């Protein structure tokens, strides 16, 4: 049971780790999408460009940044997530 006076955040705030894809540099080669082990990036079917679909799943492995042939990806050095506490 949770005490009534305890306040929990209503919405988890997440700072995107993959901040931006520079479409002026991007050549839509799919390399970032194919190298991401967490499926953070996906190809937009309408524009045929990569988009940041699931930023909260990013592990900060930077594979998308490393393998992008045009340096079109900007990654934030910070990721904010709630602290997880294990019981037992």
N, C-alpha and C. Protein backbone atom coordinates (compact mmCIF):
# COMPACT_ATOMS: atom_id res chain seq x y z
N UNK A 1 0.83 -1.18 0.00
CA UNK A 1 0.00 0.00 0.00
C UNK A 1 0.88 1.25 0.00
N UNK A 2 0.46 2.28 -0.68
CA UNK A 2 1.20 3.53 -0.78
C UNK A 2 0.54 4.57 0.10
N UNK A 3 1.35 5.28 0.88
CA UNK A 3 0.82 6.35 1.72
C UNK A 3 0.18 7.43 0.86
N UNK A 4 -0.91 7.98 1.33
CA UNK A 4 -1.65 8.97 0.54
C UNK A 4 -0.88 10.26 0.33
N UNK A 5 0.02 10.59 1.25
CA UNK A 5 0.74 11.85 1.11
C UNK A 5 1.98 11.74 0.22
N UNK A 6 2.31 10.52 -0.23
CA UNK A 6 3.47 10.34 -1.10
C UNK A 6 3.09 10.70 -2.53
N UNK A 7 3.92 11.52 -3.16
CA UNK A 7 3.62 11.96 -4.52
C UNK A 7 4.55 11.28 -5.51
N UNK A 8 4.00 10.65 -6.51
CA UNK A 8 4.76 10.03 -7.58
C UNK A 8 4.66 10.90 -8.83
N UNK A 9 5.70 10.96 -9.64
CA UNK A 9 5.60 11.74 -10.87
C UNK A 9 4.54 11.12 -11.78
N UNK A 10 3.75 11.97 -12.36
CA UNK A 10 2.68 11.52 -13.25
C UNK A 10 3.21 11.12 -14.61
N UNK A 11 4.29 11.75 -15.02
CA UNK A 11 4.85 11.50 -16.34
C UNK A 11 6.36 11.38 -16.22
N UNK A 12 6.92 10.31 -16.78
CA UNK A 12 8.37 10.14 -16.75
C UNK A 12 9.00 11.04 -17.81
N UNK A 13 9.94 11.85 -17.40
CA UNK A 13 10.62 12.73 -18.35
C UNK A 13 11.87 12.03 -18.87
N UNK A 14 12.02 12.00 -20.18
CA UNK A 14 13.17 11.35 -20.79
C UNK A 14 13.83 12.34 -21.74
N UNK A 15 15.12 12.51 -21.57
CA UNK A 15 15.88 13.32 -22.51
C UNK A 15 16.33 12.40 -23.63
N UNK A 16 16.04 12.78 -24.84
CA UNK A 16 16.44 11.94 -25.96
C UNK A 16 17.95 11.89 -26.07
N UNK A 17 18.46 10.70 -26.22
CA UNK A 17 19.88 10.54 -26.39
C UNK A 17 20.25 10.81 -27.84
N UNK A 18 19.52 10.21 -28.76
CA UNK A 18 19.68 10.55 -30.17
C UNK A 18 18.83 11.80 -30.35
N UNK A 19 19.49 12.94 -30.35
CA UNK A 19 18.77 14.21 -30.35
C UNK A 19 18.23 14.61 -31.71
N UNK A 20 19.04 14.38 -32.74
CA UNK A 20 18.68 14.95 -34.03
C UNK A 20 19.31 14.17 -35.17
N UNK A 21 18.59 14.12 -36.27
CA UNK A 21 19.15 13.63 -37.53
C UNK A 21 19.14 14.82 -38.47
N UNK A 22 20.29 15.21 -38.94
CA UNK A 22 20.40 16.36 -39.85
C UNK A 22 20.06 15.89 -41.26
N UNK A 23 18.86 16.22 -41.71
CA UNK A 23 18.41 15.77 -43.02
C UNK A 23 19.11 16.48 -44.18
N UNK A 24 19.83 17.55 -43.89
CA UNK A 24 20.65 18.19 -44.92
C UNK A 24 21.89 17.35 -45.23
N UNK A 25 22.31 16.54 -44.26
CA UNK A 25 23.47 15.67 -44.45
C UNK A 25 23.07 14.23 -44.74
N UNK A 26 21.96 13.80 -44.20
CA UNK A 26 21.52 12.41 -44.31
C UNK A 26 21.26 12.01 -45.77
N UNK A 27 21.76 10.82 -46.14
CA UNK A 27 21.56 10.32 -47.51
C UNK A 27 20.57 9.14 -47.54
N UNK A 28 19.89 8.90 -46.40
CA UNK A 28 18.89 7.83 -46.27
C UNK A 28 19.44 6.46 -46.64
N UNK A 29 20.64 6.18 -46.19
CA UNK A 29 21.28 4.91 -46.53
C UNK A 29 20.84 3.74 -45.64
N UNK A 30 20.12 4.02 -44.58
CA UNK A 30 19.59 3.02 -43.63
C UNK A 30 20.65 2.46 -42.68
N UNK A 31 21.86 2.93 -42.73
CA UNK A 31 22.92 2.39 -41.89
C UNK A 31 22.59 2.57 -40.41
N UNK A 32 22.11 3.72 -40.03
CA UNK A 32 21.78 3.97 -38.62
C UNK A 32 20.67 3.04 -38.14
N UNK A 33 19.68 2.82 -38.98
CA UNK A 33 18.56 1.95 -38.64
C UNK A 33 19.05 0.51 -38.47
N UNK A 34 19.89 0.07 -39.37
CA UNK A 34 20.36 -1.32 -39.35
C UNK A 34 21.38 -1.60 -38.24
N UNK A 35 22.12 -0.59 -37.79
CA UNK A 35 23.12 -0.81 -36.75
C UNK A 35 22.57 -0.66 -35.34
N UNK A 36 21.43 -0.05 -35.18
CA UNK A 36 20.87 0.18 -33.84
C UNK A 36 20.35 -1.14 -33.25
N UNK A 37 20.97 -1.62 -32.16
CA UNK A 37 20.53 -2.88 -31.57
C UNK A 37 19.21 -2.77 -30.81
N UNK A 38 18.77 -1.56 -30.50
CA UNK A 38 17.55 -1.37 -29.72
C UNK A 38 16.37 -0.87 -30.54
N UNK A 39 16.53 -0.75 -31.84
CA UNK A 39 15.43 -0.34 -32.71
C UNK A 39 14.92 1.07 -32.41
N UNK A 40 15.82 1.94 -31.98
CA UNK A 40 15.46 3.33 -31.68
C UNK A 40 15.10 4.08 -32.95
N UNK A 41 15.84 3.80 -34.01
CA UNK A 41 15.63 4.48 -35.29
C UNK A 41 14.86 3.58 -36.24
N UNK A 42 13.97 4.19 -36.98
CA UNK A 42 13.19 3.47 -37.98
C UNK A 42 13.13 4.31 -39.25
N UNK A 43 12.86 3.66 -40.36
CA UNK A 43 12.67 4.40 -41.61
C UNK A 43 11.21 4.83 -41.70
N UNK A 44 11.01 6.09 -42.02
CA UNK A 44 9.66 6.60 -42.24
C UNK A 44 9.23 6.17 -43.63
N UNK A 45 8.13 5.48 -43.71
CA UNK A 45 7.67 4.94 -45.00
C UNK A 45 7.25 6.04 -45.98
N UNK A 46 6.77 7.16 -45.44
CA UNK A 46 6.32 8.24 -46.31
C UNK A 46 7.48 9.05 -46.90
N UNK A 47 8.48 9.32 -46.06
CA UNK A 47 9.59 10.18 -46.51
C UNK A 47 10.83 9.39 -46.91
N UNK A 48 10.86 8.10 -46.55
CA UNK A 48 12.02 7.24 -46.80
C UNK A 48 13.29 7.79 -46.15
N UNK A 49 13.10 8.36 -44.95
CA UNK A 49 14.20 8.89 -44.16
C UNK A 49 14.18 8.25 -42.78
N UNK A 50 15.32 8.15 -42.12
CA UNK A 50 15.31 7.62 -40.75
C UNK A 50 14.68 8.62 -39.79
N UNK A 51 13.96 8.10 -38.82
CA UNK A 51 13.36 8.93 -37.78
C UNK A 51 13.68 8.33 -36.41
N UNK A 52 13.64 9.16 -35.40
CA UNK A 52 13.87 8.72 -34.03
C UNK A 52 12.51 8.25 -33.50
N UNK A 53 12.31 6.94 -33.48
CA UNK A 53 11.00 6.39 -33.12
C UNK A 53 10.88 6.06 -31.63
N UNK A 54 11.91 5.44 -31.04
CA UNK A 54 11.85 5.01 -29.63
C UNK A 54 13.07 5.52 -28.85
N UNK A 55 13.14 6.83 -28.59
CA UNK A 55 14.32 7.40 -27.92
C UNK A 55 14.55 6.85 -26.52
N UNK A 56 13.48 6.47 -25.84
CA UNK A 56 13.61 5.96 -24.48
C UNK A 56 14.34 4.62 -24.40
N UNK A 57 14.46 3.92 -25.53
CA UNK A 57 15.13 2.62 -25.55
C UNK A 57 16.63 2.72 -25.83
N UNK A 58 17.12 3.90 -26.10
CA UNK A 58 18.53 4.07 -26.47
C UNK A 58 19.46 3.65 -25.33
N UNK A 59 20.48 2.86 -25.66
CA UNK A 59 21.47 2.38 -24.70
C UNK A 59 22.75 3.21 -24.73
N UNK A 60 22.80 4.22 -25.54
CA UNK A 60 23.95 5.09 -25.71
C UNK A 60 25.17 4.31 -26.22
N UNK A 61 24.94 3.36 -27.11
CA UNK A 61 26.06 2.59 -27.68
C UNK A 61 26.77 3.39 -28.78
N UNK A 62 26.08 4.37 -29.33
CA UNK A 62 26.61 5.27 -30.36
C UNK A 62 26.94 4.60 -31.69
N UNK A 63 26.39 3.41 -31.92
CA UNK A 63 26.65 2.73 -33.19
C UNK A 63 26.10 3.52 -34.37
N UNK A 64 24.95 4.14 -34.19
CA UNK A 64 24.37 4.95 -35.27
C UNK A 64 25.30 6.10 -35.64
N UNK A 65 25.87 6.73 -34.63
CA UNK A 65 26.80 7.85 -34.84
C UNK A 65 28.11 7.37 -35.47
N UNK A 66 28.62 6.26 -34.98
CA UNK A 66 29.89 5.73 -35.48
C UNK A 66 29.81 5.32 -36.95
N UNK A 67 28.72 4.66 -37.33
CA UNK A 67 28.62 4.12 -38.68
C UNK A 67 27.95 5.05 -39.70
N UNK A 68 27.41 6.18 -39.25
CA UNK A 68 26.79 7.11 -40.20
C UNK A 68 27.88 7.68 -41.12
N UNK A 69 27.76 7.46 -42.43
CA UNK A 69 28.82 7.91 -43.34
C UNK A 69 28.87 9.43 -43.53
N UNK A 70 27.83 10.13 -43.09
CA UNK A 70 27.77 11.58 -43.29
C UNK A 70 27.75 12.40 -42.00
N UNK A 71 27.95 11.75 -40.85
CA UNK A 71 27.88 12.44 -39.55
C UNK A 71 26.60 13.25 -39.40
N UNK A 72 25.49 12.63 -39.74
CA UNK A 72 24.20 13.32 -39.71
C UNK A 72 23.47 13.17 -38.38
N UNK A 73 24.03 12.43 -37.44
CA UNK A 73 23.35 12.15 -36.17
C UNK A 73 24.02 12.90 -35.03
N UNK A 74 23.21 13.54 -34.20
CA UNK A 74 23.68 14.22 -33.00
C UNK A 74 23.20 13.43 -31.80
N UNK A 75 24.13 13.12 -30.89
CA UNK A 75 23.80 12.36 -29.69
C UNK A 75 24.08 13.21 -28.46
N UNK A 76 23.14 13.22 -27.53
CA UNK A 76 23.29 13.93 -26.27
C UNK A 76 24.18 13.12 -25.35
N UNK A 77 25.03 13.78 -24.57
CA UNK A 77 25.87 13.04 -23.63
C UNK A 77 25.12 12.62 -22.37
N UNK A 78 23.87 13.05 -22.23
CA UNK A 78 23.11 12.80 -21.01
C UNK A 78 21.83 12.03 -21.30
N UNK A 79 21.49 11.16 -20.40
CA UNK A 79 20.22 10.45 -20.48
C UNK A 79 19.63 10.46 -19.08
N UNK A 80 18.39 10.90 -18.97
CA UNK A 80 17.73 10.95 -17.68
C UNK A 80 16.72 9.82 -17.60
N UNK A 81 16.80 9.05 -16.55
CA UNK A 81 15.86 7.96 -16.31
C UNK A 81 15.63 7.85 -14.82
N UNK A 82 14.48 7.35 -14.43
CA UNK A 82 14.23 7.21 -12.99
C UNK A 82 15.16 6.17 -12.37
N UNK A 83 15.50 6.37 -11.11
CA UNK A 83 16.36 5.44 -10.39
C UNK A 83 15.56 4.19 -10.07
N UNK A 84 16.12 3.02 -10.39
CA UNK A 84 15.46 1.75 -10.12
C UNK A 84 16.05 1.17 -8.84
N UNK A 85 15.18 0.78 -7.91
CA UNK A 85 15.63 0.22 -6.65
C UNK A 85 15.11 -1.20 -6.55
N UNK A 86 16.00 -2.14 -6.28
CA UNK A 86 15.59 -3.54 -6.15
C UNK A 86 15.30 -3.87 -4.68
N UNK A 87 14.27 -4.62 -4.45
CA UNK A 87 13.91 -5.04 -3.09
C UNK A 87 14.08 -6.53 -2.98
N UNK A 88 14.66 -6.97 -1.91
CA UNK A 88 14.68 -8.39 -1.63
C UNK A 88 15.97 -9.01 -1.75
